[in-house]
Amino acid sequence: MESGGEIRSILKEKGLKATPQRIAVYNSMLALGHASADMVEAELKKTCPSLTLATIYNVLESFVGCGLLKRRFSSNNKMYFDVNTYEHMHIYCEDTGSFVDYEDDTLMKLIEEYMKDKHIDGFDIKGIEVQLIGSRS
């Protein structure tokens, strides 16, 4: 977990005021890695019981807006947020309802190479996200 000063610097760099709510939500996201707004709320009940789900969701969305977090969707379309904003893949575990980062540079390069010359009518492709869906063996 990052110190309050580091978090303040990160938020300021992203153009956000370092409010106690934003600091608390960011710390929770650092601890959780991949989380839904509900999961952040459950995590914050211990230290910030007055934070509402709506406030947490708004803070998470502001973090997405400035590039501090990315949105992820589970196989059942539940929205999660990810602290790792670099290009990487995920495995969504249906047993636990959680994401695990999956690194495979060879696969990503193959997909990027395949897609670089593709033109899909009516779309301007902004990026590639790969999500594998599985269960624990």
Protein backbone atom coordinates (compact mmCIF):
# COMPACT_ATOMS: atom_id res chain seq x y z
CA MET A 1 0.00 0.00 0.00
CA GLU A 2 1.28 3.45 -0.87
CA SER A 3 1.76 6.25 1.62
CA GLY A 4 -0.65 9.17 1.83
CA GLY A 5 1.96 11.47 0.29
CA GLU A 6 2.50 9.17 -2.70
CA ILE A 7 -1.24 8.87 -3.28
CA ARG A 8 -1.65 12.64 -3.06
CA SER A 9 1.08 13.06 -5.68
CA ILE A 10 -0.49 10.47 -7.97
CA LEU A 11 -3.93 12.10 -7.71
CA LYS A 12 -2.50 15.59 -8.24
CA GLU A 13 -0.57 14.36 -11.28
CA LYS A 14 -3.86 13.05 -12.70
CA GLY A 15 -5.61 16.37 -12.04
CA LEU A 16 -7.67 15.19 -9.08
CA LYS A 17 -7.94 16.73 -5.64
CA ALA A 18 -6.65 14.36 -2.95
CA THR A 19 -9.81 14.10 -0.86
CA PRO A 20 -10.01 11.60 2.02
CA GLN A 21 -12.60 9.64 0.02
CA ARG A 22 -10.36 9.36 -3.05
CA ILE A 23 -7.37 8.36 -0.93
CA ALA A 24 -9.42 5.66 0.83
CA VAL A 25 -10.84 4.27 -2.42
CA TYR A 26 -7.42 4.28 -4.11
CA ASN A 27 -5.85 2.47 -1.13
CA SER A 28 -8.62 -0.13 -1.30
CA MET A 29 -8.07 -0.64 -5.00
CA LEU A 30 -4.33 -1.08 -4.42
CA ALA A 31 -5.09 -3.72 -1.80
CA LEU A 32 -7.71 -5.49 -3.94
CA GLY A 33 -6.14 -5.16 -7.41
CA HIS A 34 -9.32 -6.00 -9.31
CA ALA A 35 -12.58 -5.07 -7.64
CA SER A 36 -16.19 -4.08 -8.17
CA ALA A 37 -17.63 -1.03 -6.44
CA ASP A 38 -19.38 -3.45 -4.04
CA MET A 39 -16.07 -5.06 -3.12
CA VAL A 40 -14.49 -1.66 -2.46
CA GLU A 41 -17.49 -0.72 -0.32
CA ALA A 42 -17.09 -3.92 1.73
CA GLU A 43 -13.37 -3.23 2.16
CA LEU A 44 -14.04 0.37 3.27
CA LYS A 45 -16.80 -0.52 5.75
CA LYS A 46 -14.03 -1.17 8.30
CA THR A 47 -12.34 2.23 8.00
CA CYS A 48 -14.80 4.57 6.26
CA PRO A 49 -18.31 3.34 7.07
CA SER A 50 -19.89 6.64 5.99
CA LEU A 51 -18.80 6.28 2.34
CA THR A 52 -21.80 5.39 0.20
CA LEU A 53 -21.74 3.02 -2.74
CA ALA A 54 -22.67 5.93 -5.03
CA THR A 55 -19.68 7.96 -3.82
CA ILE A 56 -17.36 4.98 -4.24
CA TYR A 57 -18.67 4.36 -7.75
CA ASN A 58 -18.23 8.05 -8.68
CA VAL A 59 -14.66 8.03 -7.35
CA LEU A 60 -13.87 4.84 -9.29
CA GLU A 61 -15.30 6.37 -12.47
CA SER A 62 -13.21 9.53 -11.97
CA PHE A 63 -10.15 7.29 -11.67
CA VAL A 64 -11.07 5.58 -14.95
CA GLY A 65 -11.59 8.98 -16.58
CA CYS A 66 -8.07 10.11 -15.75
CA GLY A 67 -6.41 6.78 -16.59
CA LEU A 68 -5.69 5.67 -13.02
CA LEU A 69 -7.90 2.56 -13.36
CA LYS A 70 -9.37 0.50 -16.20
CA ARG A 71 -12.81 -1.08 -16.39
CA ARG A 72 -13.12 -4.84 -16.76
CA PHE A 73 -16.28 -6.85 -17.32
CA SER A 74 -16.82 -10.37 -16.04
CA SER A 75 -18.46 -13.08 -18.14
CA ASN A 76 -21.78 -12.14 -16.51
CA ASN A 77 -21.21 -8.44 -17.35
CA LYS A 78 -20.46 -7.29 -13.82
CA MET A 79 -18.14 -4.28 -13.88
CA TYR A 80 -14.78 -4.47 -12.15
CA PHE A 81 -11.97 -1.96 -11.92
CA ASP A 82 -8.29 -2.77 -12.42
CA VAL A 83 -5.30 -0.93 -10.94
CA ASN A 84 -3.03 -2.32 -13.65
CA THR A 85 -3.59 -0.06 -16.63
CA TYR A 86 -0.84 -1.50 -18.84
CA GLU A 87 -1.69 -3.95 -21.64
CA HIS A 88 -2.21 -7.40 -20.19
CA MET A 89 -4.68 -10.26 -20.24
CA HIS A 90 -6.97 -11.66 -17.58
CA ILE A 91 -8.42 -14.93 -16.49
CA TYR A 92 -11.88 -14.50 -15.00
CA CYS A 93 -12.48 -17.26 -12.45
CA GLU A 94 -16.15 -18.20 -12.46
CA ASP A 95 -15.76 -20.08 -9.16
CA THR A 96 -14.62 -17.07 -7.20
CA GLY A 97 -15.89 -14.20 -9.38
CA SER A 98 -12.40 -12.75 -9.47
CA PHE A 99 -9.80 -11.71 -12.03
CA VAL A 100 -6.22 -12.89 -12.22
CA ASP A 101 -3.66 -11.08 -14.36
CA TYR A 102 -2.26 -13.29 -17.10
CA GLU A 103 0.95 -12.37 -18.89
CA ASP A 104 1.69 -13.95 -22.27
CA ASP A 105 3.68 -11.61 -24.51
CA THR A 106 3.75 -14.11 -27.37
CA LEU A 107 -0.04 -14.39 -27.51
CA MET A 108 -0.51 -10.60 -27.26
CA LYS A 109 1.99 -10.04 -30.10
CA LEU A 110 0.20 -12.61 -32.26
CA ILE A 111 -3.17 -10.93 -31.70
CA GLU A 112 -1.76 -7.42 -32.24
CA GLU A 113 0.03 -8.53 -35.43
CA TYR A 114 -3.13 -10.19 -36.71
CA MET A 115 -5.27 -7.13 -35.98
CA LYS A 116 -2.90 -4.37 -37.16
CA ASP A 117 -3.99 -4.58 -40.80
CA LYS A 118 -7.62 -5.51 -40.14
CA HIS A 119 -10.30 -2.99 -40.95
CA ILE A 120 -13.66 -3.61 -39.35
CA ASP A 121 -16.37 -1.61 -41.09
CA GLY A 122 -17.90 1.02 -38.86
CA PHE A 123 -15.31 0.71 -36.08
CA ASP A 124 -12.16 2.49 -35.01
CA ILE A 125 -10.45 -0.11 -32.81
CA LYS A 126 -8.93 1.59 -29.74
CA GLY A 127 -7.28 -1.39 -28.11
CA ILE A 128 -7.30 -5.10 -27.51
CA GLU A 129 -8.37 -6.77 -24.29
CA VAL A 130 -8.14 -10.51 -23.87
CA GLN A 131 -10.11 -12.25 -21.17
CA LEU A 132 -10.02 -15.97 -20.61
CA ILE A 133 -12.84 -17.50 -18.62
CA GLY A 134 -12.26 -20.53 -16.46
CA SER A 135 -12.65 -22.27 -13.17
CA ARG A 136 -10.09 -23.55 -10.70
CA SER A 137 -8.87 -27.07 -11.36
